[in-house]
mmCIF file of all heavy atoms, coordinates in Angstrom:
data_MODEL
# 
_entry.id   MODEL 
# 
loop_
_atom_site.group_PDB 
_atom_site.id 
_atom_site.type_symbol 
_atom_site.label_atom_id 
_atom_site.label_alt_id 
_atom_site.label_comp_id 
_atom_site.label_asym_id 
_atom_site.label_entity_id 
_atom_site.label_seq_id 
_atom_site.pdbx_PDB_ins_code 
_atom_site.Cartn_x 
_atom_site.Cartn_y 
_atom_site.Cartn_z 
_atom_site.occupancy 
_atom_site.B_iso_or_equiv 
_atom_site.pdbx_formal_charge 
_atom_site.auth_seq_id 
_atom_site.auth_comp_id 
_atom_site.auth_asym_id 
_atom_site.auth_atom_id 
_atom_site.pdbx_PDB_model_num 
ATOM 1   N N   . GLY A 1 1  ? 18.915  5.519   3.075   1.00 0.00 ? 1  GLY A N   1 
ATOM 2   C CA  . GLY A 1 1  ? 18.756  4.145   2.627   1.00 0.00 ? 1  GLY A CA  1 
ATOM 3   C C   . GLY A 1 1  ? 17.510  3.928   1.792   1.00 0.00 ? 1  GLY A C   1 
ATOM 4   O O   . GLY A 1 1  ? 16.765  4.869   1.492   1.00 0.00 ? 1  GLY A O   1 
ATOM 5   N N   . SER A 1 2  ? 17.304  2.668   1.428   1.00 0.00 ? 2  SER A N   1 
ATOM 6   C CA  . SER A 1 2  ? 16.180  2.291   0.568   1.00 0.00 ? 2  SER A CA  1 
ATOM 7   C C   . SER A 1 2  ? 15.451  1.091   1.152   1.00 0.00 ? 2  SER A C   1 
ATOM 8   O O   . SER A 1 2  ? 16.035  0.281   1.888   1.00 0.00 ? 2  SER A O   1 
ATOM 9   C CB  . SER A 1 2  ? 16.688  1.918   -0.826  1.00 0.00 ? 2  SER A CB  1 
ATOM 10  O OG  . SER A 1 2  ? 17.317  3.004   -1.458  1.00 0.00 ? 2  SER A OG  1 
ATOM 11  N N   . LEU A 1 3  ? 14.184  1.014   0.812   1.00 0.00 ? 3  LEU A N   1 
ATOM 12  C CA  . LEU A 1 3  ? 13.354  -0.152  1.123   1.00 0.00 ? 3  LEU A CA  1 
ATOM 13  C C   . LEU A 1 3  ? 12.414  -0.379  -0.044  1.00 0.00 ? 3  LEU A C   1 
ATOM 14  O O   . LEU A 1 3  ? 12.024  0.579   -0.729  1.00 0.00 ? 3  LEU A O   1 
ATOM 15  C CB  . LEU A 1 3  ? 12.528  0.058   2.379   1.00 0.00 ? 3  LEU A CB  1 
ATOM 16  C CG  . LEU A 1 3  ? 13.185  -0.095  3.750   1.00 0.00 ? 3  LEU A CG  1 
ATOM 17  C CD1 . LEU A 1 3  ? 12.181  0.269   4.843   1.00 0.00 ? 3  LEU A CD1 1 
ATOM 18  C CD2 . LEU A 1 3  ? 13.717  -1.497  3.956   1.00 0.00 ? 3  LEU A CD2 1 
ATOM 19  N N   . ARG A 1 4  ? 12.021  -1.615  -0.233  1.00 0.00 ? 4  ARG A N   1 
ATOM 20  C CA  . ARG A 1 4  ? 10.962  -1.921  -1.193  1.00 0.00 ? 4  ARG A CA  1 
ATOM 21  C C   . ARG A 1 4  ? 9.832   -2.604  -0.459  1.00 0.00 ? 4  ARG A C   1 
ATOM 22  O O   . ARG A 1 4  ? 10.006  -3.678  0.111   1.00 0.00 ? 4  ARG A O   1 
ATOM 23  C CB  . ARG A 1 4  ? 11.452  -2.812  -2.331  1.00 0.00 ? 4  ARG A CB  1 
ATOM 24  C CG  . ARG A 1 4  ? 10.402  -2.957  -3.426  1.00 0.00 ? 4  ARG A CG  1 
ATOM 25  C CD  . ARG A 1 4  ? 10.857  -3.770  -4.600  1.00 0.00 ? 4  ARG A CD  1 
ATOM 26  N NE  . ARG A 1 4  ? 10.776  -5.202  -4.346  1.00 0.00 ? 4  ARG A NE  1 
ATOM 27  C CZ  . ARG A 1 4  ? 10.693  -6.124  -5.301  1.00 0.00 ? 4  ARG A CZ  1 
ATOM 28  N NH1 . ARG A 1 4  ? 10.691  -5.760  -6.571  1.00 0.00 ? 4  ARG A NH1 1 
ATOM 29  N NH2 . ARG A 1 4  ? 10.655  -7.393  -4.983  1.00 0.00 ? 4  ARG A NH2 1 
ATOM 30  N N   . LEU A 1 5  ? 8.693   -1.953  -0.491  1.00 0.00 ? 5  LEU A N   1 
ATOM 31  C CA  . LEU A 1 5  ? 7.489   -2.521  0.103   1.00 0.00 ? 5  LEU A CA  1 
ATOM 32  C C   . LEU A 1 5  ? 6.722   -3.316  -0.945  1.00 0.00 ? 5  LEU A C   1 
ATOM 33  O O   . LEU A 1 5  ? 6.709   -2.958  -2.124  1.00 0.00 ? 5  LEU A O   1 
ATOM 34  C CB  . LEU A 1 5  ? 6.593   -1.427  0.671   1.00 0.00 ? 5  LEU A CB  1 
ATOM 35  C CG  . LEU A 1 5  ? 7.231   -0.464  1.671   1.00 0.00 ? 5  LEU A CG  1 
ATOM 36  C CD1 . LEU A 1 5  ? 6.173   0.518   2.182   1.00 0.00 ? 5  LEU A CD1 1 
ATOM 37  C CD2 . LEU A 1 5  ? 7.896   -1.199  2.803   1.00 0.00 ? 5  LEU A CD2 1 
ATOM 38  N N   . SER A 1 6  ? 6.067   -4.362  -0.484  1.00 0.00 ? 6  SER A N   1 
ATOM 39  C CA  . SER A 1 6  ? 5.228   -5.170  -1.355  1.00 0.00 ? 6  SER A CA  1 
ATOM 40  C C   . SER A 1 6  ? 3.801   -5.186  -0.822  1.00 0.00 ? 6  SER A C   1 
ATOM 41  O O   . SER A 1 6  ? 3.585   -5.177  0.392   1.00 0.00 ? 6  SER A O   1 
ATOM 42  C CB  . SER A 1 6  ? 5.749   -6.600  -1.435  1.00 0.00 ? 6  SER A CB  1 
ATOM 43  O OG  . SER A 1 6  ? 7.041   -6.661  -1.984  1.00 0.00 ? 6  SER A OG  1 
ATOM 44  N N   . CYS A 1 7  ? 2.875   -5.236  -1.741  1.00 0.00 ? 7  CYS A N   1 
ATOM 45  C CA  . CYS A 1 7  ? 1.451   -5.355  -1.407  1.00 0.00 ? 7  CYS A CA  1 
ATOM 46  C C   . CYS A 1 7  ? 0.939   -6.561  -2.186  1.00 0.00 ? 7  CYS A C   1 
ATOM 47  O O   . CYS A 1 7  ? 0.740   -6.475  -3.405  1.00 0.00 ? 7  CYS A O   1 
ATOM 48  C CB  . CYS A 1 7  ? 0.721   -4.089  -1.803  1.00 0.00 ? 7  CYS A CB  1 
ATOM 49  S SG  . CYS A 1 7  ? -1.078  -4.174  -1.660  1.00 0.00 ? 7  CYS A SG  1 
ATOM 50  N N   . ALA A 1 8  ? 0.754   -7.663  -1.490  1.00 0.00 ? 8  ALA A N   1 
ATOM 51  C CA  . ALA A 1 8  ? 0.348   -8.901  -2.134  1.00 0.00 ? 8  ALA A CA  1 
ATOM 52  C C   . ALA A 1 8  ? -1.134  -9.141  -1.934  1.00 0.00 ? 8  ALA A C   1 
ATOM 53  O O   . ALA A 1 8  ? -1.665  -8.965  -0.834  1.00 0.00 ? 8  ALA A O   1 
ATOM 54  C CB  . ALA A 1 8  ? 1.149   -10.065 -1.555  1.00 0.00 ? 8  ALA A CB  1 
ATOM 55  N N   . ALA A 1 9  ? -1.790  -9.543  -2.999  1.00 0.00 ? 9  ALA A N   1 
ATOM 56  C CA  . ALA A 1 9  ? -3.230  -9.787  -2.953  1.00 0.00 ? 9  ALA A CA  1 
ATOM 57  C C   . ALA A 1 9  ? -3.513  -11.280 -2.907  1.00 0.00 ? 9  ALA A C   1 
ATOM 58  O O   . ALA A 1 9  ? -2.832  -12.076 -3.547  1.00 0.00 ? 9  ALA A O   1 
ATOM 59  C CB  . ALA A 1 9  ? -3.900  -9.172  -4.164  1.00 0.00 ? 9  ALA A CB  1 
ATOM 60  N N   . SER A 1 10 ? -4.547  -11.629 -2.177  1.00 0.00 ? 10 SER A N   1 
ATOM 61  C CA  . SER A 1 10 ? -5.047  -12.998 -2.155  1.00 0.00 ? 10 SER A CA  1 
ATOM 62  C C   . SER A 1 10 ? -6.568  -12.950 -2.147  1.00 0.00 ? 10 SER A C   1 
ATOM 63  O O   . SER A 1 10 ? -7.171  -11.911 -1.894  1.00 0.00 ? 10 SER A O   1 
ATOM 64  C CB  . SER A 1 10 ? -4.529  -13.760 -0.937  1.00 0.00 ? 10 SER A CB  1 
ATOM 65  O OG  . SER A 1 10 ? -4.932  -13.137 0.264   1.00 0.00 ? 10 SER A OG  1 
ATOM 66  N N   . GLY A 1 11 ? -7.185  -14.061 -2.443  1.00 0.00 ? 11 GLY A N   1 
ATOM 67  C CA  . GLY A 1 11 ? -8.636  -14.121 -2.491  1.00 0.00 ? 11 GLY A CA  1 
ATOM 68  C C   . GLY A 1 11 ? -9.174  -13.967 -3.898  1.00 0.00 ? 11 GLY A C   1 
ATOM 69  O O   . GLY A 1 11 ? -10.176 -14.568 -4.258  1.00 0.00 ? 11 GLY A O   1 
ATOM 70  N N   . ARG A 1 12 ? -8.561  -13.120 -4.654  1.00 0.00 ? 12 ARG A N   1 
ATOM 71  C CA  . ARG A 1 12 ? -8.850  -12.948 -6.074  1.00 0.00 ? 12 ARG A CA  1 
ATOM 72  C C   . ARG A 1 12 ? -7.694  -12.167 -6.689  1.00 0.00 ? 12 ARG A C   1 
ATOM 73  O O   . ARG A 1 12 ? -6.801  -11.688 -5.993  1.00 0.00 ? 12 ARG A O   1 
ATOM 74  C CB  . ARG A 1 12 ? -10.174 -12.231 -6.318  1.00 0.00 ? 12 ARG A CB  1 
ATOM 75  C CG  . ARG A 1 12 ? -10.243 -10.807 -5.835  1.00 0.00 ? 12 ARG A CG  1 
ATOM 76  C CD  . ARG A 1 12 ? -11.457 -10.109 -6.444  1.00 0.00 ? 12 ARG A CD  1 
ATOM 77  N NE  . ARG A 1 12 ? -11.680 -8.784  -5.908  1.00 0.00 ? 12 ARG A NE  1 
ATOM 78  C CZ  . ARG A 1 12 ? -11.043 -7.683  -6.314  1.00 0.00 ? 12 ARG A CZ  1 
ATOM 79  N NH1 . ARG A 1 12 ? -10.104 -7.778  -7.239  1.00 0.00 ? 12 ARG A NH1 1 
ATOM 80  N NH2 . ARG A 1 12 ? -11.335 -6.502  -5.799  1.00 0.00 ? 12 ARG A NH2 1 
ATOM 81  N N   . GLY A 1 13 ? -7.706  -12.041 -7.980  1.00 0.00 ? 13 GLY A N   1 
ATOM 82  C CA  . GLY A 1 13 ? -6.633  -11.329 -8.644  1.00 0.00 ? 13 GLY A CA  1 
ATOM 83  C C   . GLY A 1 13 ? -6.699  -9.838  -8.429  1.00 0.00 ? 13 GLY A C   1 
ATOM 84  O O   . GLY A 1 13 ? -7.747  -9.275  -8.106  1.00 0.00 ? 13 GLY A O   1 
ATOM 85  N N   . LEU A 1 14 ? -5.563  -9.201  -8.625  1.00 0.00 ? 14 LEU A N   1 
ATOM 86  C CA  . LEU A 1 14 ? -5.462  -7.756  -8.433  1.00 0.00 ? 14 LEU A CA  1 
ATOM 87  C C   . LEU A 1 14 ? -5.424  -7.024  -9.767  1.00 0.00 ? 14 LEU A C   1 
ATOM 88  O O   . LEU A 1 14 ? -5.351  -5.800  -9.803  1.00 0.00 ? 14 LEU A O   1 
ATOM 89  C CB  . LEU A 1 14 ? -4.179  -7.463  -7.644  1.00 0.00 ? 14 LEU A CB  1 
ATOM 90  C CG  . LEU A 1 14 ? -4.012  -6.106  -6.980  1.00 0.00 ? 14 LEU A CG  1 
ATOM 91  C CD1 . LEU A 1 14 ? -5.104  -5.822  -5.972  1.00 0.00 ? 14 LEU A CD1 1 
ATOM 92  C CD2 . LEU A 1 14 ? -2.638  -6.005  -6.330  1.00 0.00 ? 14 LEU A CD2 1 
ATOM 93  N N   . ASP A 1 15 ? -5.530  -7.774  -10.869 1.00 0.00 ? 15 ASP A N   1 
ATOM 94  C CA  . ASP A 1 15 ? -5.261  -7.180  -12.172 1.00 0.00 ? 15 ASP A CA  1 
ATOM 95  C C   . ASP A 1 15 ? -6.315  -6.201  -12.656 1.00 0.00 ? 15 ASP A C   1 
ATOM 96  O O   . ASP A 1 15 ? -6.077  -5.462  -13.615 1.00 0.00 ? 15 ASP A O   1 
ATOM 97  C CB  . ASP A 1 15 ? -5.054  -8.281  -13.212 1.00 0.00 ? 15 ASP A CB  1 
ATOM 98  C CG  . ASP A 1 15 ? -6.234  -9.231  -13.280 1.00 0.00 ? 15 ASP A CG  1 
ATOM 99  O OD1 . ASP A 1 15 ? -6.841  -9.500  -12.225 1.00 0.00 ? 15 ASP A OD1 1 
ATOM 100 O OD2 . ASP A 1 15 ? -6.532  -9.716  -14.373 1.00 0.00 ? 15 ASP A OD2 1 
ATOM 101 N N   . LEU A 1 16 ? -7.475  -6.160  -12.000 1.00 0.00 ? 16 LEU A N   1 
ATOM 102 C CA  . LEU A 1 16 ? -8.503  -5.193  -12.377 1.00 0.00 ? 16 LEU A CA  1 
ATOM 103 C C   . LEU A 1 16 ? -8.690  -4.126  -11.298 1.00 0.00 ? 16 LEU A C   1 
ATOM 104 O O   . LEU A 1 16 ? -9.714  -3.438  -11.273 1.00 0.00 ? 16 LEU A O   1 
ATOM 105 C CB  . LEU A 1 16 ? -9.820  -5.902  -12.662 1.00 0.00 ? 16 LEU A CB  1 
ATOM 106 C CG  . LEU A 1 16 ? -9.808  -6.842  -13.872 1.00 0.00 ? 16 LEU A CG  1 
ATOM 107 C CD1 . LEU A 1 16 ? -11.171 -7.500  -14.050 1.00 0.00 ? 16 LEU A CD1 1 
ATOM 108 C CD2 . LEU A 1 16 ? -9.410  -6.097  -15.134 1.00 0.00 ? 16 LEU A CD2 1 
ATOM 109 N N   . ASP A 1 17 ? -7.723  -4.029  -10.413 1.00 0.00 ? 17 ASP A N   1 
ATOM 110 C CA  . ASP A 1 17 ? -7.786  -3.041  -9.340  1.00 0.00 ? 17 ASP A CA  1 
ATOM 111 C C   . ASP A 1 17 ? -6.720  -1.972  -9.539  1.00 0.00 ? 17 ASP A C   1 
ATOM 112 O O   . ASP A 1 17 ? -5.549  -2.289  -9.791  1.00 0.00 ? 17 ASP A O   1 
ATOM 113 C CB  . ASP A 1 17 ? -7.534  -3.692  -7.985  1.00 0.00 ? 17 ASP A CB  1 
ATOM 114 C CG  . ASP A 1 17 ? -8.695  -4.536  -7.509  1.00 0.00 ? 17 ASP A CG  1 
ATOM 115 O OD1 . ASP A 1 17 ? -9.056  -5.502  -8.204  1.00 0.00 ? 17 ASP A OD1 1 
ATOM 116 O OD2 . ASP A 1 17 ? -9.253  -4.204  -6.456  1.00 0.00 ? 17 ASP A OD2 1 
ATOM 117 N N   . THR A 1 18 ? -7.123  -0.723  -9.375  1.00 0.00 ? 18 THR A N   1 
ATOM 118 C CA  . THR A 1 18 ? -6.112  0.311   -9.190  1.00 0.00 ? 18 THR A CA  1 
ATOM 119 C C   . THR A 1 18 ? -5.627  0.202   -7.752  1.00 0.00 ? 18 THR A C   1 
ATOM 120 O O   . THR A 1 18 ? -6.371  -0.216  -6.865  1.00 0.00 ? 18 THR A O   1 
ATOM 121 C CB  . THR A 1 18 ? -6.678  1.703   -9.440  1.00 0.00 ? 18 THR A CB  1 
ATOM 122 O OG1 . THR A 1 18 ? -7.635  2.020   -8.430  1.00 0.00 ? 18 THR A OG1 1 
ATOM 123 C CG2 . THR A 1 18 ? -7.342  1.795   -10.799 1.00 0.00 ? 18 THR A CG2 1 
ATOM 124 N N   . VAL A 1 19 ? -4.393  0.567   -7.540  1.00 0.00 ? 19 VAL A N   1 
ATOM 125 C CA  . VAL A 1 19 ? -3.804  0.416   -6.216  1.00 0.00 ? 19 VAL A CA  1 
ATOM 126 C C   . VAL A 1 19 ? -3.068  1.693   -5.840  1.00 0.00 ? 19 VAL A C   1 
ATOM 127 O O   . VAL A 1 19 ? -2.473  2.352   -6.688  1.00 0.00 ? 19 VAL A O   1 
ATOM 128 C CB  . VAL A 1 19 ? -2.823  -0.774  -6.177  1.00 0.00 ? 19 VAL A CB  1 
ATOM 129 C CG1 . VAL A 1 19 ? -2.158  -0.886  -4.804  1.00 0.00 ? 19 VAL A CG1 1 
ATOM 130 C CG2 . VAL A 1 19 ? -3.559  -2.076  -6.506  1.00 0.00 ? 19 VAL A CG2 1 
ATOM 131 N N   . ALA A 1 20 ? -3.125  2.014   -4.573  1.00 0.00 ? 20 ALA A N   1 
ATOM 132 C CA  . ALA A 1 20 ? -2.420  3.185   -4.057  1.00 0.00 ? 20 ALA A CA  1 
ATOM 133 C C   . ALA A 1 20 ? -1.691  2.816   -2.771  1.00 0.00 ? 20 ALA A C   1 
ATOM 134 O O   . ALA A 1 20 ? -2.071  1.875   -2.078  1.00 0.00 ? 20 ALA A O   1 
ATOM 135 C CB  . ALA A 1 20 ? -3.392  4.327   -3.790  1.00 0.00 ? 20 ALA A CB  1 
ATOM 136 N N   . TRP A 1 21 ? -0.651  3.594   -2.500  1.00 0.00 ? 21 TRP A N   1 
ATOM 137 C CA  . TRP A 1 21 ? 0.058   3.485   -1.225  1.00 0.00 ? 21 TRP A CA  1 
ATOM 138 C C   . TRP A 1 21 ? -0.216  4.740   -0.409  1.00 0.00 ? 21 TRP A C   1 
ATOM 139 O O   . TRP A 1 21 ? -0.188  5.856   -0.946  1.00 0.00 ? 21 TRP A O   1 
ATOM 140 C CB  . TRP A 1 21 ? 1.561   3.349   -1.444  1.00 0.00 ? 21 TRP A CB  1 
ATOM 141 C CG  . TRP A 1 21 ? 2.002   1.988   -1.866  1.00 0.00 ? 21 TRP A CG  1 
ATOM 142 C CD1 . TRP A 1 21 ? 2.213   1.550   -3.143  1.00 0.00 ? 21 TRP A CD1 1 
ATOM 143 C CD2 . TRP A 1 21 ? 2.299   0.886   -1.020  1.00 0.00 ? 21 TRP A CD2 1 
ATOM 144 N NE1 . TRP A 1 21 ? 2.613   0.241   -3.127  1.00 0.00 ? 21 TRP A NE1 1 
ATOM 145 C CE2 . TRP A 1 21 ? 2.677   -0.193  -1.833  1.00 0.00 ? 21 TRP A CE2 1 
ATOM 146 C CE3 . TRP A 1 21 ? 2.285   0.701   0.370   1.00 0.00 ? 21 TRP A CE3 1 
ATOM 147 C CZ2 . TRP A 1 21 ? 3.045   -1.443  -1.316  1.00 0.00 ? 21 TRP A CZ2 1 
ATOM 148 C CZ3 . TRP A 1 21 ? 2.649   -0.529  0.886   1.00 0.00 ? 21 TRP A CZ3 1 
ATOM 149 C CH2 . TRP A 1 21 ? 3.022   -1.588  0.048   1.00 0.00 ? 21 TRP A CH2 1 
ATOM 150 N N   . PHE A 1 22 ? -0.448  4.530   0.869   1.00 0.00 ? 22 PHE A N   1 
ATOM 151 C CA  . PHE A 1 22 ? -0.648  5.607   1.825   1.00 0.00 ? 22 PHE A CA  1 
ATOM 152 C C   . PHE A 1 22 ? 0.312   5.395   2.997   1.00 0.00 ? 22 PHE A C   1 
ATOM 153 O O   . PHE A 1 22 ? 0.863   4.311   3.175   1.00 0.00 ? 22 PHE A O   1 
ATOM 154 C CB  . PHE A 1 22 ? -2.082  5.586   2.381   1.00 0.00 ? 22 PHE A CB  1 
ATOM 155 C CG  . PHE A 1 22 ? -3.141  5.868   1.365   1.00 0.00 ? 22 PHE A CG  1 
ATOM 156 C CD1 . PHE A 1 22 ? -3.581  4.886   0.481   1.00 0.00 ? 22 PHE A CD1 1 
ATOM 157 C CD2 . PHE A 1 22 ? -3.731  7.124   1.291   1.00 0.00 ? 22 PHE A CD2 1 
ATOM 158 C CE1 . PHE A 1 22 ? -4.563  5.144   -0.454  1.00 0.00 ? 22 PHE A CE1 1 
ATOM 159 C CE2 . PHE A 1 22 ? -4.720  7.399   0.358   1.00 0.00 ? 22 PHE A CE2 1 
ATOM 160 C CZ  . PHE A 1 22 ? -5.146  6.407   -0.511  1.00 0.00 ? 22 PHE A CZ  1 
ATOM 161 N N   . ARG A 1 23 ? 0.466   6.411   3.791   1.00 0.00 ? 23 ARG A N   1 
ATOM 162 C CA  . ARG A 1 23 ? 1.218   6.255   5.024   1.00 0.00 ? 23 ARG A CA  1 
ATOM 163 C C   . ARG A 1 23 ? 0.597   7.135   6.109   1.00 0.00 ? 23 ARG A C   1 
ATOM 164 O O   . ARG A 1 23 ? -0.077  8.119   5.821   1.00 0.00 ? 23 ARG A O   1 
ATOM 165 C CB  . ARG A 1 23 ? 2.697   6.606   4.863   1.00 0.00 ? 23 ARG A CB  1 
ATOM 166 C CG  . ARG A 1 23 ? 2.981   8.079   4.648   1.00 0.00 ? 23 ARG A CG  1 
ATOM 167 C CD  . ARG A 1 23 ? 4.474   8.301   4.396   1.00 0.00 ? 23 ARG A CD  1 
ATOM 168 N NE  . ARG A 1 23 ? 4.766   9.701   4.116   1.00 0.00 ? 23 ARG A NE  1 
ATOM 169 C CZ  . ARG A 1 23 ? 5.943   10.134  3.687   1.00 0.00 ? 23 ARG A CZ  1 
ATOM 170 N NH1 . ARG A 1 23 ? 6.945   9.267   3.480   1.00 0.00 ? 23 ARG A NH1 1 
ATOM 171 N NH2 . ARG A 1 23 ? 6.145   11.420  3.464   1.00 0.00 ? 23 ARG A NH2 1 
ATOM 172 N N   . GLN A 1 24 ? 0.851   6.730   7.341   1.00 0.00 ? 24 GLN A N   1 
ATOM 173 C CA  . GLN A 1 24 ? 0.374   7.517   8.473   1.00 0.00 ? 24 GLN A CA  1 
ATOM 174 C C   . GLN A 1 24 ? 1.455   7.537   9.537   1.00 0.00 ? 24 GLN A C   1 
ATOM 175 O O   . GLN A 1 24 ? 1.830   6.481   10.076  1.00 0.00 ? 24 GLN A O   1 
ATOM 176 C CB  . GLN A 1 24 ? -0.922  6.941   9.042   1.00 0.00 ? 24 GLN A CB  1 
ATOM 177 C CG  . GLN A 1 24 ? -1.539  7.825   10.110  1.00 0.00 ? 24 GLN A CG  1 
ATOM 178 C CD  . GLN A 1 24 ? -2.970  7.439   10.412  1.00 0.00 ? 24 GLN A CD  1 
ATOM 179 O OE1 . GLN A 1 24 ? -3.413  6.319   10.150  1.00 0.00 ? 24 GLN A OE1 1 
ATOM 180 N NE2 . GLN A 1 24 ? -3.723  8.384   10.956  1.00 0.00 ? 24 GLN A NE2 1 
ATOM 181 N N   . ALA A 1 25 ? 1.943   8.715   9.807   1.00 0.00 ? 25 ALA A N   1 
ATOM 182 C CA  . ALA A 1 25 ? 2.937   8.906   10.849  1.00 0.00 ? 25 ALA A CA  1 
ATOM 183 C C   . ALA A 1 25 ? 2.223   9.158   12.178  1.00 0.00 ? 25 ALA A C   1 
ATOM 184 O O   . ALA A 1 25 ? 1.071   9.614   12.186  1.00 0.00 ? 25 ALA A O   1 
ATOM 185 C CB  . ALA A 1 25 ? 3.848   10.073  10.502  1.00 0.00 ? 25 ALA A CB  1 
ATOM 186 N N   . PRO A 1 26 ? 2.870   8.879   13.289  1.00 0.00 ? 26 PRO A N   1 
ATOM 187 C CA  . PRO A 1 26 ? 2.241   9.100   14.591  1.00 0.00 ? 26 PRO A CA  1 
ATOM 188 C C   . PRO A 1 26 ? 1.750   10.531  14.742  1.00 0.00 ? 26 PRO A C   1 
ATOM 189 O O   . PRO A 1 26 ? 2.500   11.485  14.484  1.00 0.00 ? 26 PRO A O   1 
ATOM 190 C CB  . PRO A 1 26 ? 3.367   8.796   15.584  1.00 0.00 ? 26 PRO A CB  1 
ATOM 191 C CG  . PRO A 1 26 ? 4.257   7.861   14.863  1.00 0.00 ? 26 PRO A CG  1 
ATOM 192 C CD  . PRO A 1 26 ? 4.200   8.286   13.420  1.00 0.00 ? 26 PRO A CD  1 
ATOM 193 N N   . GLY A 1 27 ? 0.493   10.667  15.120  1.00 0.00 ? 27 GLY A N   1 
ATOM 194 C CA  . GLY A 1 27 ? -0.077  11.982  15.343  1.00 0.00 ? 27 GLY A CA  1 
ATOM 195 C C   . GLY A 1 27 ? -0.428  12.755  14.091  1.00 0.00 ? 27 GLY A C   1 
ATOM 196 O O   . GLY A 1 27 ? -0.812  13.929  14.175  1.00 0.00 ? 27 GLY A O   1 
ATOM 197 N N   . LYS A 1 28 ? -0.312  12.121  12.935  1.00 0.00 ? 28 LYS A N   1 
ATOM 198 C CA  . LYS A 1 28 ? -0.604  12.817  11.681  1.00 0.00 ? 28 LYS A CA  1 
ATOM 199 C C   . LYS A 1 28 ? -1.706  12.102  10.919  1.00 0.00 ? 28 LYS A C   1 
ATOM 200 O O   . LYS A 1 28 ? -2.000  10.936  11.160  1.00 0.00 ? 28 LYS A O   1 
ATOM 201 C CB  . LYS A 1 28 ? 0.655   12.906  10.827  1.00 0.00 ? 28 LYS A CB  1 
ATOM 202 C CG  . LYS A 1 28 ? 1.748   13.768  11.429  1.00 0.00 ? 28 LYS A CG  1 
ATOM 203 C CD  . LYS A 1 28 ? 2.882   13.970  10.448  1.00 0.00 ? 28 LYS A CD  1 
ATOM 204 C CE  . LYS A 1 28 ? 3.941   14.897  11.007  1.00 0.00 ? 28 LYS A CE  1 
ATOM 205 N NZ  . LYS A 1 28 ? 5.054   15.133  10.047  1.00 0.00 ? 28 LYS A NZ  1 
ATOM 206 N N   . GLN A 1 29 ? -2.284  12.813  9.970   1.00 0.00 ? 29 GLN A N   1 
ATOM 207 C CA  . GLN A 1 29 ? -3.308  12.213  9.128   1.00 0.00 ? 29 GLN A CA  1 
ATOM 208 C C   . GLN A 1 29 ? -2.667  11.290  8.097   1.00 0.00 ? 29 GLN A C   1 
ATOM 209 O O   . GLN A 1 29 ? -1.495  11.422  7.754   1.00 0.00 ? 29 GLN A O   1 
ATOM 210 C CB  . GLN A 1 29 ? -4.087  13.319  8.407   1.00 0.00 ? 29 GLN A CB  1 
ATOM 211 C CG  . GLN A 1 29 ? -5.023  14.098  9.312   1.00 0.00 ? 29 GLN A CG  1 
ATOM 212 C CD  . GLN A 1 29 ? -5.935  15.014  8.525   1.00 0.00 ? 29 GLN A CD  1 
ATOM 213 O OE1 . GLN A 1 29 ? -5.575  15.527  7.463   1.00 0.00 ? 29 GLN A OE1 1 
ATOM 214 N NE2 . GLN A 1 29 ? -7.134  15.233  9.036   1.00 0.00 ? 29 GLN A NE2 1 
ATOM 215 N N   . ARG A 1 30 ? -3.484  10.349  7.637   1.00 0.00 ? 30 ARG A N   1 
ATOM 216 C CA  . ARG A 1 30 ? -3.004  9.452   6.596   1.00 0.00 ? 30 ARG A CA  1 
ATOM 217 C C   . ARG A 1 30 ? -2.754  10.260  5.326   1.00 0.00 ? 30 ARG A C   1 
ATOM 218 O O   . ARG A 1 30 ? -3.540  11.131  4.973   1.00 0.00 ? 30 ARG A O   1 
ATOM 219 C CB  . ARG A 1 30 ? -4.023  8.343   6.348   1.00 0.00 ? 30 ARG A CB  1 
ATOM 220 C CG  . ARG A 1 30 ? -3.509  7.218   5.474   1.00 0.00 ? 30 ARG A CG  1 
ATOM 221 C CD  . ARG A 1 30 ? -4.471  6.063   5.443   1.00 0.00 ? 30 ARG A CD  1 
ATOM 222 N NE  . ARG A 1 30 ? -4.587  5.417   6.744   1.00 0.00 ? 30 ARG A NE  1 
ATOM 223 C CZ  . ARG A 1 30 ? -5.309  4.314   6.948   1.00 0.00 ? 30 ARG A CZ  1 
ATOM 224 N NH1 . ARG A 1 30 ? -5.962  3.758   5.944   1.00 0.00 ? 30 ARG A NH1 1 
ATOM 225 N NH2 . ARG A 1 30 ? -5.371  3.782   8.138   1.00 0.00 ? 30 ARG A NH2 1 
ATOM 226 N N   . GLU A 1 31 ? -1.658  9.957   4.657   1.00 0.00 ? 31 GLU A N   1 
ATOM 227 C CA  . GLU A 1 31 ? -1.212  10.690  3.483   1.00 0.00 ? 31 GLU A CA  1 
ATOM 228 C C   . GLU A 1 31 ? -1.117  9.754   2.285   1.00 0.00 ? 31 GLU A C   1 
ATOM 229 O O   . GLU A 1 31 ? -0.525  8.678   2.376   1.00 0.00 ? 31 GLU A O   1 
ATOM 230 C CB  . GLU A 1 31 ? 0.172   11.292  3.781   1.00 0.00 ? 31 GLU A CB  1 
ATOM 231 C CG  . GLU A 1 31 ? 0.854   11.954  2.633   1.00 0.00 ? 31 GLU A CG  1 
ATOM 232 C CD  . GLU A 1 31 ? 2.302   12.325  2.930   1.00 0.00 ? 31 GLU A CD  1 
ATOM 233 O OE1 . GLU A 1 31 ? 2.881   11.795  3.913   1.00 0.00 ? 31 GLU A OE1 1 
ATOM 234 O OE2 . GLU A 1 31 ? 2.874   13.118  2.178   1.00 0.00 ? 31 GLU A OE2 1 
# 
């Protein structure tokens, strides 16, 4: 299947930020 995750910014704009996605599975390091 498929999913679409969103990362919404508040407080200020996100347009001057680079952005990355990470994940962490149980018992594993963040990837």
